[in-house]
Amino acid sequence: MVRVGCVMRHFVFRWAITTVAVMVAAVFIHGLRYDSVGSLIGAALLLGILNAFVRPVLLLLSAPLILLTLGFFILVVNGLMLLWIPSFVSGFHVDNFASAFWGAILIGILSWFLSAFFRGSDGRVHVLTHHTQVKRVQGRVVRSSR
């Protein structure tokens, strides 16, 4: 039962980070906007679901293109994922592929930064990632007989 709570906490944490990242991207990227907070939250939820289940399949199917473009095509896949969201979430708008492409890049960077800022190395959520404890390793020193 404890594991379910931990998974739910992690899911809600990731959802909140994605929501903030989409909100900031809508401010800075022309052609990316939402009508209400509900559509923003719905878009962030759908983006998380698509990234978890559909994106890996798309990346696997497009592996030759990803290798050929040295990974650049992953950015195209991320843009396509963001471009599909308005067809499922009313009130969330993406005007064209360029807006989706740059929005996906900004959302990815912001999500990575916010996750790194709030998550410690032990996997738990911390306000800061500064660690005050240093773990000492106990061991033996092996000396040569010379």
C-alpha atoms as a PDB file:
ATOM      1  CA  MET A   1       0.000   0.000   0.000  1.00  0.00           C
ATOM      2  CA  VAL A   2       2.915   2.320   0.687  1.00  0.00           C
ATOM      3  CA  ARG A   3       4.235   1.757  -2.845  1.00  0.00           C
ATOM      4  CA  VAL A   4       0.939   2.930  -4.405  1.00  0.00           C
ATOM      5  CA  GLY A   5       1.120   6.169  -2.428  1.00  0.00           C
ATOM      6  CA  CYS A   6       4.679   6.728  -3.582  1.00  0.00           C
ATOM      7  CA  VAL A   7       3.736   6.109  -7.218  1.00  0.00           C
ATOM      8  CA  MET A   8       0.763   8.468  -6.954  1.00  0.00           C
ATOM      9  CA  ARG A   9       2.910  11.147  -5.341  1.00  0.00           C
ATOM     10  CA  HIS A  10       5.471  10.801  -8.130  1.00  0.00           C
ATOM     11  CA  PHE A  11       2.700  10.973 -10.775  1.00  0.00           C
ATOM     12  CA  VAL A  12       1.137  14.104  -9.250  1.00  0.00           C
ATOM     13  CA  PHE A  13       4.589  15.683  -8.922  1.00  0.00           C
ATOM     14  CA  ARG A  14       5.403  15.033 -12.601  1.00  0.00           C
ATOM     15  CA  TRP A  15       1.948  16.263 -13.623  1.00  0.00           C
ATOM     16  CA  ALA A  16       2.425  19.519 -11.683  1.00  0.00           C
ATOM     17  CA  ILE A  17       5.845  20.061 -13.257  1.00  0.00           C
ATOM     18  CA  THR A  18       4.470  19.436 -16.740  1.00  0.00           C
ATOM     19  CA  THR A  19       1.572  21.804 -16.053  1.00  0.00           C
ATOM     20  CA  VAL A  20       3.942  24.582 -14.990  1.00  0.00           C
ATOM     21  CA  ALA A  21       6.179  23.936 -18.010  1.00  0.00           C
ATOM     22  CA  VAL A  22       3.225  24.073 -20.439  1.00  0.00           C
ATOM     23  CA  MET A  23       1.953  27.260 -18.772  1.00  0.00           C
ATOM     24  CA  VAL A  24       5.352  28.966 -19.108  1.00  0.00           C
ATOM     25  CA  ALA A  25       5.715  27.753 -22.709  1.00  0.00           C
ATOM     26  CA  ALA A  26       2.295  29.235 -23.543  1.00  0.00           C
ATOM     27  CA  VAL A  27       3.543  32.601 -22.292  1.00  0.00           C
ATOM     28  CA  PHE A  28       6.760  32.591 -24.324  1.00  0.00           C
ATOM     29  CA  ILE A  29       5.854  30.666 -27.493  1.00  0.00           C
ATOM     30  CA  HIS A  30       3.647  32.482 -29.990  1.00  0.00           C
ATOM     31  CA  GLY A  31       0.895  30.158 -31.214  1.00  0.00           C
ATOM     32  CA  LEU A  32       0.666  28.112 -28.023  1.00  0.00           C
ATOM     33  CA  ARG A  33      -2.212  29.092 -25.710  1.00  0.00           C
ATOM     34  CA  TYR A  34      -4.956  27.820 -23.433  1.00  0.00           C
ATOM     35  CA  ASP A  35      -8.405  29.209 -22.618  1.00  0.00           C
ATOM     36  CA  SER A  36      -8.753  28.064 -19.016  1.00  0.00           C
ATOM     37  CA  VAL A  37      -6.817  26.440 -16.211  1.00  0.00           C
ATOM     38  CA  GLY A  38      -8.857  23.275 -16.784  1.00  0.00           C
ATOM     39  CA  SER A  39      -7.705  23.027 -20.394  1.00  0.00           C
ATOM     40  CA  LEU A  40      -4.108  23.642 -19.256  1.00  0.00           C
ATOM     41  CA  ILE A  41      -4.331  20.864 -16.667  1.00  0.00           C
ATOM     42  CA  GLY A  42      -6.008  18.526 -19.170  1.00  0.00           C
ATOM     43  CA  ALA A  43      -3.357  19.241 -21.796  1.00  0.00           C
ATOM     44  CA  ALA A  44      -0.561  18.568 -19.301  1.00  0.00           C
ATOM     45  CA  LEU A  45      -2.210  15.300 -18.255  1.00  0.00           C
ATOM     46  CA  LEU A  46      -2.651  14.160 -21.850  1.00  0.00           C
ATOM     47  CA  LEU A  47       0.909  15.171 -22.704  1.00  0.00           C
ATOM     48  CA  GLY A  48       2.181  13.046 -19.824  1.00  0.00           C
ATOM     49  CA  ILE A  49       0.082  10.070 -20.934  1.00  0.00           C
ATOM     50  CA  LEU A  50       1.210  10.414 -24.557  1.00  0.00           C
ATOM     51  CA  ASN A  51       4.845  10.716 -23.478  1.00  0.00           C
ATOM     52  CA  ALA A  52       4.532   7.621 -21.309  1.00  0.00           C
ATOM     53  CA  PHE A  53       2.740   5.312 -23.745  1.00  0.00           C
ATOM     54  CA  VAL A  54       2.761   6.614 -27.342  1.00  0.00           C
ATOM     55  CA  ARG A  55       6.164   8.330 -27.521  1.00  0.00           C
ATOM     56  CA  PRO A  56       8.218   5.156 -26.896  1.00  0.00           C
ATOM     57  CA  VAL A  57       6.417   3.405 -29.758  1.00  0.00           C
ATOM     58  CA  LEU A  58       6.976   6.373 -32.072  1.00  0.00           C
ATOM     59  CA  LEU A  59      10.647   6.531 -31.107  1.00  0.00           C
ATOM     60  CA  LEU A  60      11.064   2.836 -31.806  1.00  0.00           C
ATOM     61  CA  LEU A  61       9.345   3.101 -35.192  1.00  0.00           C
ATOM     62  CA  SER A  62      11.377   6.158 -36.156  1.00  0.00           C
ATOM     63  CA  ALA A  63      14.717   4.803 -34.909  1.00  0.00           C
ATOM     64  CA  PRO A  64      16.309   4.818 -38.403  1.00  0.00           C
ATOM     65  CA  LEU A  65      15.422   8.503 -38.854  1.00  0.00           C
ATOM     66  CA  ILE A  66      16.665   9.301 -35.368  1.00  0.00           C
ATOM     67  CA  LEU A  67      20.002   7.638 -36.142  1.00  0.00           C
ATOM     68  CA  LEU A  68      20.221   9.294 -39.550  1.00  0.00           C
ATOM     69  CA  THR A  69      19.598  12.762 -38.100  1.00  0.00           C
ATOM     70  CA  LEU A  70      21.823  12.123 -35.049  1.00  0.00           C
ATOM     71  CA  GLY A  71      18.884  12.454 -32.656  1.00  0.00           C
ATOM     72  CA  PHE A  72      17.327  15.600 -34.125  1.00  0.00           C
ATOM     73  CA  PHE A  73      14.198  13.707 -35.178  1.00  0.00           C
ATOM     74  CA  ILE A  74      13.361  13.167 -31.483  1.00  0.00           C
ATOM     75  CA  LEU A  75      12.580  16.896 -31.354  1.00  0.00           C
ATOM     76  CA  VAL A  76      10.205  16.425 -34.293  1.00  0.00           C
ATOM     77  CA  VAL A  77       8.448  13.564 -32.471  1.00  0.00           C
ATOM     78  CA  ASN A  78       8.111  15.735 -29.351  1.00  0.00           C
ATOM     79  CA  GLY A  79       6.629  18.530 -31.474  1.00  0.00           C
ATOM     80  CA  LEU A  80       4.132  16.129 -33.045  1.00  0.00           C
ATOM     81  CA  MET A  81       3.029  14.965 -29.610  1.00  0.00           C
ATOM     82  CA  LEU A  82       2.297  18.556 -28.588  1.00  0.00           C
ATOM     83  CA  LEU A  83       0.589  19.248 -31.921  1.00  0.00           C
ATOM     84  CA  TRP A  84      -1.879  16.361 -31.344  1.00  0.00           C
ATOM     85  CA  ILE A  85      -3.096  17.599 -27.956  1.00  0.00           C
ATOM     86  CA  PRO A  86      -5.604  20.228 -29.209  1.00  0.00           C
ATOM     87  CA  SER A  87      -7.511  17.533 -31.110  1.00  0.00           C
ATOM     88  CA  PHE A  88      -8.318  15.878 -27.751  1.00  0.00           C
ATOM     89  CA  VAL A  89      -8.393  18.813 -25.305  1.00  0.00           C
ATOM     90  CA  SER A  90     -10.751  21.660 -26.143  1.00  0.00           C
ATOM     91  CA  GLY A  91      -9.500  25.037 -25.000  1.00  0.00           C
ATOM     92  CA  PHE A  92      -5.848  24.236 -25.689  1.00  0.00           C
ATOM     93  CA  HIS A  93      -4.492  25.637 -28.959  1.00  0.00           C
ATOM     94  CA  VAL A  94      -1.369  25.037 -31.022  1.00  0.00           C
ATOM     95  CA  ASP A  95      -1.401  27.107 -34.229  1.00  0.00           C
ATOM     96  CA  ASN A  96       1.220  25.285 -36.299  1.00  0.00           C
ATOM     97  CA  PHE A  97       4.078  22.798 -36.191  1.00  0.00           C
ATOM     98  CA  ALA A  98       6.683  25.501 -35.532  1.00  0.00           C
ATOM     99  CA  SER A  99       4.848  26.530 -32.354  1.00  0.00           C
ATOM    100  CA  ALA A 100       4.585  22.878 -31.325  1.00  0.00           C
ATOM    101  CA  PHE A 101       8.269  22.243 -32.092  1.00  0.00           C
ATOM    102  CA  TRP A 102       9.607  25.197 -30.070  1.00  0.00           C
ATOM    103  CA  GLY A 103       6.999  24.657 -27.367  1.00  0.00           C
ATOM    104  CA  ALA A 104       8.044  21.024 -26.965  1.00  0.00           C
ATOM    105  CA  ILE A 105      11.692  22.053 -26.669  1.00  0.00           C
ATOM    106  CA  LEU A 106      10.878  24.655 -24.004  1.00  0.00           C
ATOM    107  CA  ILE A 107       8.564  22.263 -22.124  1.00  0.00           C
ATOM    108  CA  GLY A 108      11.273  19.596 -22.144  1.00  0.00           C
ATOM    109  CA  ILE A 109      13.942  21.958 -20.839  1.00  0.00           C
ATOM    110  CA  LEU A 110      11.681  23.383 -18.144  1.00  0.00           C
ATOM    111  CA  SER A 111      10.472  19.943 -17.053  1.00  0.00           C
ATOM    112  CA  TRP A 112      14.035  18.686 -16.812  1.00  0.00           C
ATOM    113  CA  PHE A 113      15.160  21.749 -14.860  1.00  0.00           C
ATOM    114  CA  LEU A 114      12.227  21.696 -12.432  1.00  0.00           C
ATOM    115  CA  SER A 115      12.591  17.948 -11.868  1.00  0.00           C
ATOM    116  CA  ALA A 116      16.308  18.305 -11.201  1.00  0.00           C
ATOM    117  CA  PHE A 117      15.726  21.254  -8.863  1.00  0.00           C
ATOM    118  CA  PHE A 118      13.045  19.592  -6.729  1.00  0.00           C
ATOM    119  CA  ARG A 119      14.141  15.933  -6.727  1.00  0.00           C
ATOM    120  CA  GLY A 120      17.040  14.716  -4.636  1.00  0.00           C
ATOM    121  CA  SER A 121      19.387  11.869  -5.478  1.00  0.00           C
ATOM    122  CA  ASP A 122      17.420   9.556  -3.179  1.00  0.00           C
ATOM    123  CA  GLY A 123      14.319   9.911  -5.367  1.00  0.00           C
ATOM    124  CA  ARG A 124      12.341  11.913  -2.824  1.00  0.00           C
ATOM    125  CA  VAL A 125      11.061  15.423  -3.401  1.00  0.00           C
ATOM    126  CA  HIS A 126      13.188  18.108  -1.720  1.00  0.00           C
ATOM    127  CA  VAL A 127      13.043  21.872  -1.947  1.00  0.00           C
ATOM    128  CA  LEU A 128      16.774  21.980  -2.572  1.00  0.00           C
ATOM    129  CA  THR A 129      19.099  19.241  -3.798  1.00  0.00           C
ATOM    130  CA  HIS A 130      21.906  20.220  -1.420  1.00  0.00           C
ATOM    131  CA  HIS A 131      23.029  17.215   0.618  1.00  0.00           C
ATOM    132  CA  THR A 132      24.634  17.873   3.981  1.00  0.00           C
ATOM    133  CA  GLN A 133      25.585  14.320   4.863  1.00  0.00           C
ATOM    134  CA  VAL A 134      28.709  12.694   3.534  1.00  0.00           C
ATOM    135  CA  LYS A 135      28.772   8.915   3.686  1.00  0.00           C
ATOM    136  CA  ARG A 136      32.064   7.432   4.799  1.00  0.00           C
ATOM    137  CA  VAL A 137      33.180   4.083   3.445  1.00  0.00           C
ATOM    138  CA  GLN A 138      34.620   1.638   5.946  1.00  0.00           C
ATOM    139  CA  GLY A 139      37.297  -0.667   4.615  1.00  0.00           C
ATOM    140  CA  ARG A 140      40.728  -2.181   5.035  1.00  0.00           C
ATOM    141  CA  VAL A 141      44.006  -1.018   3.652  1.00  0.00           C
ATOM    142  CA  VAL A 142      45.944  -3.817   1.988  1.00  0.00           C
ATOM    143  CA  ARG A 143      49.689  -3.341   2.221  1.00  0.00           C
ATOM    144  CA  SER A 144      52.206  -5.116   0.088  1.00  0.00           C
ATOM    145  CA  SER A 145      54.834  -7.301   1.749  1.00  0.00           C
ATOM    146  CA  ARG A 146      57.772  -5.507   0.118  1.00  0.00           C
END
